[in-house]
Amino acid sequence: MDDRTNAATEAILRAGRRLGSRGLISAGEGNISVRLDADRLLITPTGLRKDELEAGDLVVVWLDHPDREPLSASGRRPTSDLAVHLAVHAARPEIGAMVHAHLPAAMALTLAGEIPDPSALPETALFLPRLPFLSLETPGSDRLAQRIAASLTEAPEPHANAVLLERHGACAVGADAHQAVDRLELVEVLCRTWRDAISIRAARAALGMVDASRASPGSRIEEGR
């Protein structure tokens, strides 16, 4: 294994462990790819936990020759989201990595019909000023792959570096896997904060209704306000 493949392998294994330690993936969810060169990607396999991978589990695939047989020391098959990775790396040749995860808060918010605004928080406003949202599409399909690639290349520049997927988490790209995971974490922080703000507003409104029905002039509730 050459130095570049060794470095990409370590980057993917670290990214998978990081996603797992932060509760951003479970079971066999999620996938990670790192560009090896102009025509090759190193990518995670289908069906395995991404926080328990070994070097031999990873798979080499070809950008310009998608029909060429993938290579894996353990005979693994690439992720079922391979079409998404191929489309995004082809559309954004300057990136070094792409990561997809089923972010829990992101899935919950979009299931409830909520789309968070990245300008609401300083960190996302700075590092993820654009966060496109895509309605539900069949996972792993060519249609989803093309929609994600289009959302990450849509004018104006700078392009979006993450995309929120209805009931399907999010995808993020970066110069390397570490940066791509950073961006996914920011998406989840935004979604958790948005969710919590909605819950607090709802609780405040409910408490206000209770107070209005129970309170009377001179009551302890009134005095505590």
C-alpha atoms as a PDB file:
ATOM      1  CA  MET A   1       0.000   0.000   0.000  1.00  0.00           C
ATOM      2  CA  ASP A   2       1.481   3.357  -1.030  1.00  0.00           C
ATOM      3  CA  ASP A   3       1.827   6.374   1.282  1.00  0.00           C
ATOM      4  CA  ARG A   4      -1.215   8.161  -0.157  1.00  0.00           C
ATOM      5  CA  THR A   5      -3.447   5.135   0.313  1.00  0.00           C
ATOM      6  CA  ASN A   6      -2.091   4.645   3.841  1.00  0.00           C
ATOM      7  CA  ALA A   7      -2.894   8.263   4.714  1.00  0.00           C
ATOM      8  CA  ALA A   8      -6.383   8.031   3.190  1.00  0.00           C
ATOM      9  CA  THR A   9      -7.040   4.794   5.063  1.00  0.00           C
ATOM     10  CA  GLU A  10      -6.087   6.328   8.399  1.00  0.00           C
ATOM     11  CA  ALA A  11      -8.208   9.402   7.653  1.00  0.00           C
ATOM     12  CA  ILE A  12     -11.288   7.291   6.929  1.00  0.00           C
ATOM     13  CA  LEU A  13     -10.824   5.087   9.992  1.00  0.00           C
ATOM     14  CA  ARG A  14     -10.439   8.165  12.222  1.00  0.00           C
ATOM     15  CA  ALA A  15     -13.481   9.826  10.658  1.00  0.00           C
ATOM     16  CA  GLY A  16     -15.598   6.713  11.224  1.00  0.00           C
ATOM     17  CA  ARG A  17     -14.575   6.468  14.879  1.00  0.00           C
ATOM     18  CA  ARG A  18     -15.284  10.160  15.353  1.00  0.00           C
ATOM     19  CA  LEU A  19     -18.763   9.888  13.861  1.00  0.00           C
ATOM     20  CA  GLY A  20     -19.532   6.948  16.119  1.00  0.00           C
ATOM     21  CA  SER A  21     -18.181   8.588  19.283  1.00  0.00           C
ATOM     22  CA  ARG A  22     -20.438  11.594  18.718  1.00  0.00           C
ATOM     23  CA  GLY A  23     -23.555   9.530  18.137  1.00  0.00           C
ATOM     24  CA  LEU A  24     -23.884  10.625  14.509  1.00  0.00           C
ATOM     25  CA  ILE A  25     -24.055   7.088  13.090  1.00  0.00           C
ATOM     26  CA  SER A  26     -25.404   3.745  14.249  1.00  0.00           C
ATOM     27  CA  ALA A  27     -25.422   0.199  12.886  1.00  0.00           C
ATOM     28  CA  GLY A  28     -24.183   0.286   9.277  1.00  0.00           C
ATOM     29  CA  GLU A  29     -25.216   3.888   8.595  1.00  0.00           C
ATOM     30  CA  GLY A  30     -23.068   6.502   6.906  1.00  0.00           C
ATOM     31  CA  ASN A  31     -20.277   6.477   4.363  1.00  0.00           C
ATOM     32  CA  ILE A  32     -16.943   8.203   3.796  1.00  0.00           C
ATOM     33  CA  SER A  33     -14.775   8.680   0.723  1.00  0.00           C
ATOM     34  CA  VAL A  34     -11.311  10.170   0.226  1.00  0.00           C
ATOM     35  CA  ARG A  35      -9.795  11.019  -3.149  1.00  0.00           C
ATOM     36  CA  LEU A  36      -6.603   9.112  -3.891  1.00  0.00           C
ATOM     37  CA  ASP A  37      -5.880  10.755  -7.241  1.00  0.00           C
ATOM     38  CA  ALA A  38      -7.674  12.115 -10.285  1.00  0.00           C
ATOM     39  CA  ASP A  39      -9.366   8.793 -11.028  1.00  0.00           C
ATOM     40  CA  ARG A  40      -9.563   6.856  -7.749  1.00  0.00           C
ATOM     41  CA  LEU A  41     -11.483   7.095  -4.493  1.00  0.00           C
ATOM     42  CA  LEU A  42     -11.019   5.114  -1.308  1.00  0.00           C
ATOM     43  CA  ILE A  43     -14.472   4.502   0.149  1.00  0.00           C
ATOM     44  CA  THR A  44     -16.202   2.690   2.993  1.00  0.00           C
ATOM     45  CA  PRO A  45     -17.950  -0.644   2.412  1.00  0.00           C
ATOM     46  CA  THR A  46     -21.618  -1.440   2.645  1.00  0.00           C
ATOM     47  CA  GLY A  47     -23.077  -3.258   5.630  1.00  0.00           C
ATOM     48  CA  LEU A  48     -20.407  -2.567   8.266  1.00  0.00           C
ATOM     49  CA  ARG A  49     -20.252  -0.156  11.205  1.00  0.00           C
ATOM     50  CA  LYS A  50     -18.120   2.784  10.158  1.00  0.00           C
ATOM     51  CA  ASP A  51     -16.661   3.198  13.647  1.00  0.00           C
ATOM     52  CA  GLU A  52     -15.340  -0.391  13.713  1.00  0.00           C
ATOM     53  CA  LEU A  53     -13.701  -0.624  10.294  1.00  0.00           C
ATOM     54  CA  GLU A  54     -10.299  -2.123   9.574  1.00  0.00           C
ATOM     55  CA  ALA A  55      -7.969  -1.076   6.798  1.00  0.00           C
ATOM     56  CA  GLY A  56      -8.772  -4.130   4.706  1.00  0.00           C
ATOM     57  CA  ASP A  57     -12.484  -3.295   4.707  1.00  0.00           C
ATOM     58  CA  LEU A  58     -12.039  -0.189   2.556  1.00  0.00           C
ATOM     59  CA  VAL A  59     -12.655  -0.250  -1.185  1.00  0.00           C
ATOM     60  CA  VAL A  60     -10.955   1.463  -4.130  1.00  0.00           C
ATOM     61  CA  VAL A  61     -13.324   2.660  -6.875  1.00  0.00           C
ATOM     62  CA  TRP A  62     -12.761   4.559 -10.114  1.00  0.00           C
ATOM     63  CA  LEU A  63     -14.266   7.935 -10.963  1.00  0.00           C
ATOM     64  CA  ASP A  64     -13.871   7.754 -14.730  1.00  0.00           C
ATOM     65  CA  HIS A  65     -14.404   4.003 -14.983  1.00  0.00           C
ATOM     66  CA  PRO A  66     -17.422   3.247 -12.752  1.00  0.00           C
ATOM     67  CA  ASP A  67     -17.860  -0.161 -14.396  1.00  0.00           C
ATOM     68  CA  ARG A  68     -14.390  -1.265 -13.379  1.00  0.00           C
ATOM     69  CA  GLU A  69     -14.406  -3.836 -10.583  1.00  0.00           C
ATOM     70  CA  PRO A  70     -13.843  -2.269  -7.130  1.00  0.00           C
ATOM     71  CA  LEU A  71     -10.765  -3.412  -5.220  1.00  0.00           C
ATOM     72  CA  SER A  72     -10.859  -4.490  -1.568  1.00  0.00           C
ATOM     73  CA  ALA A  73      -8.377  -6.624   0.342  1.00  0.00           C
ATOM     74  CA  SER A  74     -11.280  -8.331   2.133  1.00  0.00           C
ATOM     75  CA  GLY A  75     -13.560  -8.565  -0.890  1.00  0.00           C
ATOM     76  CA  ARG A  76     -15.994  -5.957   0.432  1.00  0.00           C
ATOM     77  CA  ARG A  77     -18.442  -4.111  -1.795  1.00  0.00           C
ATOM     78  CA  PRO A  78     -18.577  -0.293  -1.761  1.00  0.00           C
ATOM     79  CA  THR A  79     -21.308   1.659  -0.016  1.00  0.00           C
ATOM     80  CA  SER A  80     -24.784   1.643  -1.536  1.00  0.00           C
ATOM     81  CA  ASP A  81     -24.388   5.437  -1.811  1.00  0.00           C
ATOM     82  CA  LEU A  82     -21.484   5.040  -4.234  1.00  0.00           C
ATOM     83  CA  ALA A  83     -23.329   6.968  -6.959  1.00  0.00           C
ATOM     84  CA  VAL A  84     -23.518  10.006  -4.664  1.00  0.00           C
ATOM     85  CA  HIS A  85     -19.780   9.989  -3.957  1.00  0.00           C
ATOM     86  CA  LEU A  86     -18.878   9.542  -7.614  1.00  0.00           C
ATOM     87  CA  ALA A  87     -21.173  12.379  -8.680  1.00  0.00           C
ATOM     88  CA  VAL A  88     -19.969  14.786  -5.993  1.00  0.00           C
ATOM     89  CA  HIS A  89     -16.253  14.134  -6.513  1.00  0.00           C
ATOM     90  CA  ALA A  90     -16.714  14.523 -10.273  1.00  0.00           C
ATOM     91  CA  ALA A  91     -18.597  17.803  -9.810  1.00  0.00           C
ATOM     92  CA  ARG A  92     -16.177  19.180  -7.175  1.00  0.00           C
ATOM     93  CA  PRO A  93     -12.689  18.006  -8.230  1.00  0.00           C
ATOM     94  CA  GLU A  94     -11.040  20.337  -5.731  1.00  0.00           C
ATOM     95  CA  ILE A  95     -12.412  18.490  -2.672  1.00  0.00           C
ATOM     96  CA  GLY A  96     -10.491  15.737  -0.943  1.00  0.00           C
ATOM     97  CA  ALA A  97     -13.312  13.971   0.891  1.00  0.00           C
ATOM     98  CA  MET A  98     -17.046  13.521   1.278  1.00  0.00           C
ATOM     99  CA  VAL A  99     -18.941  12.212   4.307  1.00  0.00           C
ATOM    100  CA  HIS A 100     -22.605  11.264   4.689  1.00  0.00           C
ATOM    101  CA  ALA A 101     -24.324  10.459   7.999  1.00  0.00           C
ATOM    102  CA  HIS A 102     -27.875   9.976   9.240  1.00  0.00           C
ATOM    103  CA  LEU A 103     -27.674  12.834  11.739  1.00  0.00           C
ATOM    104  CA  PRO A 104     -30.410  12.221  14.359  1.00  0.00           C
ATOM    105  CA  ALA A 105     -31.501  15.825  14.975  1.00  0.00           C
ATOM    106  CA  ALA A 106     -31.365  16.626  11.270  1.00  0.00           C
ATOM    107  CA  MET A 107     -33.640  13.682  10.478  1.00  0.00           C
ATOM    108  CA  ALA A 108     -36.052  14.611  13.268  1.00  0.00           C
ATOM    109  CA  LEU A 109     -36.333  18.241  12.181  1.00  0.00           C
ATOM    110  CA  THR A 110     -36.925  17.445   8.530  1.00  0.00           C
ATOM    111  CA  LEU A 111     -39.415  14.741   9.470  1.00  0.00           C
ATOM    112  CA  ALA A 112     -41.312  17.467  11.327  1.00  0.00           C
ATOM    113  CA  GLY A 113     -41.120  19.763   8.309  1.00  0.00           C
ATOM    114  CA  GLU A 114     -38.552  22.136   9.829  1.00  0.00           C
ATOM    115  CA  ILE A 115     -35.618  23.497   7.810  1.00  0.00           C
ATOM    116  CA  PRO A 116     -33.032  25.316   9.957  1.00  0.00           C
ATOM    117  CA  ASP A 117     -31.397  28.547   8.834  1.00  0.00           C
ATOM    118  CA  PRO A 118     -27.578  28.448   9.160  1.00  0.00           C
ATOM    119  CA  SER A 119     -27.468  32.227   9.665  1.00  0.00           C
ATOM    120  CA  ALA A 120     -29.105  31.704  13.072  1.00  0.00           C
ATOM    121  CA  LEU A 121     -25.831  30.657  14.729  1.00  0.00           C
ATOM    122  CA  PRO A 122     -22.424  32.392  14.509  1.00  0.00           C
ATOM    123  CA  GLU A 123     -20.465  29.217  13.694  1.00  0.00           C
ATOM    124  CA  THR A 124     -22.739  28.004  10.920  1.00  0.00           C
ATOM    125  CA  ALA A 125     -23.159  31.517   9.570  1.00  0.00           C
ATOM    126  CA  LEU A 126     -19.373  31.688   9.222  1.00  0.00           C
ATOM    127  CA  PHE A 127     -18.465  28.159   8.158  1.00  0.00           C
ATOM    128  CA  LEU A 128     -21.697  26.937   6.514  1.00  0.00           C
ATOM    129  CA  PRO A 129     -23.397  30.082   5.231  1.00  0.00           C
ATOM    130  CA  ARG A 130     -25.258  28.035   2.635  1.00  0.00           C
ATOM    131  CA  LEU A 131     -27.087  24.835   3.568  1.00  0.00           C
ATOM    132  CA  PRO A 132     -29.281  23.594   0.703  1.00  0.00           C
ATOM    133  CA  PHE A 133     -32.227  21.345   1.564  1.00  0.00           C
ATOM    134  CA  LEU A 134     -33.274  18.451  -0.666  1.00  0.00           C
ATOM    135  CA  SER A 135     -36.662  16.771  -0.413  1.00  0.00           C
ATOM    136  CA  LEU A 136     -36.846  13.011   0.048  1.00  0.00           C
ATOM    137  CA  GLU A 137     -35.291  10.896  -2.679  1.00  0.00           C
ATOM    138  CA  THR A 138     -34.538   7.194  -2.964  1.00  0.00           C
ATOM    139  CA  PRO A 139     -31.269   6.542  -1.071  1.00  0.00           C
ATOM    140  CA  GLY A 140     -28.380   5.567  -3.315  1.00  0.00           C
ATOM    141  CA  SER A 141     -30.232   6.448  -6.517  1.00  0.00           C
ATOM    142  CA  ASP A 142     -28.708   8.221  -9.493  1.00  0.00           C
ATOM    143  CA  ARG A 143     -31.396  10.878  -9.102  1.00  0.00           C
ATOM    144  CA  LEU A 144     -30.293  11.607  -5.523  1.00  0.00           C
ATOM    145  CA  ALA A 145     -26.646  11.640  -6.607  1.00  0.00           C
ATOM    146  CA  GLN A 146     -27.306  14.232  -9.305  1.00  0.00           C
ATOM    147  CA  ARG A 147     -29.411  16.409  -7.008  1.00  0.00           C
ATOM    148  CA  ILE A 148     -26.753  16.441  -4.292  1.00  0.00           C
ATOM    149  CA  ALA A 149     -23.976  17.208  -6.792  1.00  0.00           C
ATOM    150  CA  ALA A 150     -26.065  20.023  -8.273  1.00  0.00           C
ATOM    151  CA  SER A 151     -26.770  21.542  -4.858  1.00  0.00           C
ATOM    152  CA  LEU A 152     -23.042  21.585  -4.065  1.00  0.00           C
ATOM    153  CA  THR A 153     -22.146  23.328  -7.331  1.00  0.00           C
ATOM    154  CA  GLU A 154     -25.007  25.800  -7.629  1.00  0.00           C
ATOM    155  CA  ALA A 155     -24.038  29.452  -8.139  1.00  0.00           C
ATOM    156  CA  PRO A 156     -23.030  31.800  -6.700  1.00  0.00           C
ATOM    157  CA  GLU A 157     -19.641  30.964  -5.304  1.00  0.00           C
ATOM    158  CA  PRO A 158     -18.465  30.078  -2.759  1.00  0.00           C
ATOM    159  CA  HIS A 159     -20.333  26.835  -3.230  1.00  0.00           C
ATOM    160  CA  ALA A 160     -22.237  25.139  -0.435  1.00  0.00           C
ATOM    161  CA  ASN A 161     -20.141  22.534   1.387  1.00  0.00           C
ATOM    162  CA  ALA A 162     -22.984  20.641   3.039  1.00  0.00           C
ATOM    163  CA  VAL A 163     -26.518  19.679   2.102  1.00  0.00           C
ATOM    164  CA  LEU A 164     -29.443  18.730   4.350  1.00  0.00           C
ATOM    165  CA  LEU A 165     -31.468  15.716   3.204  1.00  0.00           C
ATOM    166  CA  GLU A 166     -35.083  15.174   4.167  1.00  0.00           C
ATOM    167  CA  ARG A 167     -35.242  12.244   6.649  1.00  0.00           C
ATOM    168  CA  HIS A 168     -31.794  11.151   5.494  1.00  0.00           C
ATOM    169  CA  GLY A 169     -29.304  13.245   7.459  1.00  0.00           C
ATOM    170  CA  ALA A 170     -26.734  15.292   5.582  1.00  0.00           C
ATOM    171  CA  CYS A 171     -23.695  15.181   3.311  1.00  0.00           C
ATOM    172  CA  ALA A 172     -20.610  17.359   3.636  1.00  0.00           C
ATOM    173  CA  VAL A 173     -17.428  17.816   1.649  1.00  0.00           C
ATOM    174  CA  GLY A 174     -14.023  19.176   2.572  1.00  0.00           C
ATOM    175  CA  ALA A 175     -10.365  19.362   1.763  1.00  0.00           C
ATOM    176  CA  ASP A 176     -10.039  16.183   3.823  1.00  0.00           C
ATOM    177  CA  ALA A 177     -12.207  13.833   5.860  1.00  0.00           C
ATOM    178  CA  HIS A 178     -11.569  15.777   9.067  1.00  0.00           C
ATOM    179  CA  GLN A 179     -12.983  18.986   7.604  1.00  0.00           C
ATOM    180  CA  ALA A 180     -15.960  17.162   6.093  1.00  0.00           C
ATOM    181  CA  VAL A 181     -16.822  15.665   9.506  1.00  0.00           C
ATOM    182  CA  ASP A 182     -16.401  19.117  11.094  1.00  0.00           C
ATOM    183  CA  ARG A 183     -19.051  20.407   8.716  1.00  0.00           C
ATOM    184  CA  LEU A 184     -21.401  17.523   9.453  1.00  0.00           C
ATOM    185  CA  GLU A 185     -21.026  18.215  13.165  1.00  0.00           C
ATOM    186  CA  LEU A 186     -21.949  21.850  12.571  1.00  0.00           C
ATOM    187  CA  VAL A 187     -25.082  20.780  10.685  1.00  0.00           C
ATOM    188  CA  GLU A 188     -26.099  18.606  13.623  1.00  0.00           C
ATOM    189  CA  VAL A 189     -25.362  21.365  16.160  1.00  0.00           C
ATOM    190  CA  LEU A 190     -27.555  23.731  14.136  1.00  0.00           C
ATOM    191  CA  CYS A 191     -30.354  21.158  14.001  1.00  0.00           C
ATOM    192  CA  ARG A 192     -30.133  20.338  17.719  1.00  0.00           C
ATOM    193  CA  THR A 193     -30.198  24.012  18.629  1.00  0.00           C
ATOM    194  CA  TRP A 194     -33.117  24.671  16.288  1.00  0.00           C
ATOM    195  CA  ARG A 195     -34.996  21.704  17.770  1.00  0.00           C
ATOM    196  CA  ASP A 196     -34.299  22.832  21.332  1.00  0.00           C
ATOM    197  CA  ALA A 197     -35.411  26.389  20.576  1.00  0.00           C
ATOM    198  CA  ILE A 198     -38.691  25.063  19.170  1.00  0.00           C
ATOM    199  CA  SER A 199     -39.180  22.931  22.302  1.00  0.00           C
ATOM    200  CA  ILE A 200     -38.437  25.859  24.625  1.00  0.00           C
ATOM    201  CA  ARG A 201     -40.828  28.137  22.776  1.00  0.00           C
ATOM    202  CA  ALA A 202     -43.541  25.463  22.916  1.00  0.00           C
ATOM    203  CA  ALA A 203     -42.962  24.898  26.643  1.00  0.00           C
ATOM    204  CA  ARG A 204     -43.004  28.632  27.310  1.00  0.00           C
ATOM    205  CA  ALA A 205     -46.260  28.999  25.385  1.00  0.00           C
ATOM    206  CA  ALA A 206     -47.813  26.055  27.257  1.00  0.00           C
ATOM    207  CA  LEU A 207     -46.731  27.452  30.618  1.00  0.00           C
ATOM    208  CA  GLY A 208     -48.108  30.829  29.653  1.00  0.00           C
ATOM    209  CA  MET A 209     -51.483  29.264  28.922  1.00  0.00           C
ATOM    210  CA  VAL A 210     -51.429  27.474  32.302  1.00  0.00           C
ATOM    211  CA  ASP A 211     -50.442  30.663  34.089  1.00  0.00           C
ATOM    212  CA  ALA A 212     -53.171  32.625  32.363  1.00  0.00           C
ATOM    213  CA  SER A 213     -55.814  30.112  33.396  1.00  0.00           C
ATOM    214  CA  ARG A 214     -54.662  29.804  37.016  1.00  0.00           C
ATOM    215  CA  ALA A 215     -53.269  33.173  37.969  1.00  0.00           C
ATOM    216  CA  SER A 216     -55.236  35.887  39.711  1.00  0.00           C
ATOM    217  CA  PRO A 217     -54.168  39.303  41.035  1.00  0.00           C
ATOM    218  CA  GLY A 218     -51.932  38.872  44.049  1.00  0.00           C
ATOM    219  CA  SER A 219     -51.240  35.183  43.423  1.00  0.00           C
ATOM    220  CA  ARG A 220     -47.762  33.750  43.898  1.00  0.00           C
ATOM    221  CA  ILE A 221     -47.492  33.207  40.127  1.00  0.00           C
ATOM    222  CA  GLU A 222     -48.151  36.856  39.491  1.00  0.00           C
ATOM    223  CA  GLU A 223     -45.739  37.923  42.207  1.00  0.00           C
ATOM    224  CA  GLY A 224     -42.973  35.729  40.750  1.00  0.00           C
ATOM    225  CA  ARG A 225     -43.100  37.364  37.352  1.00  0.00           C
END
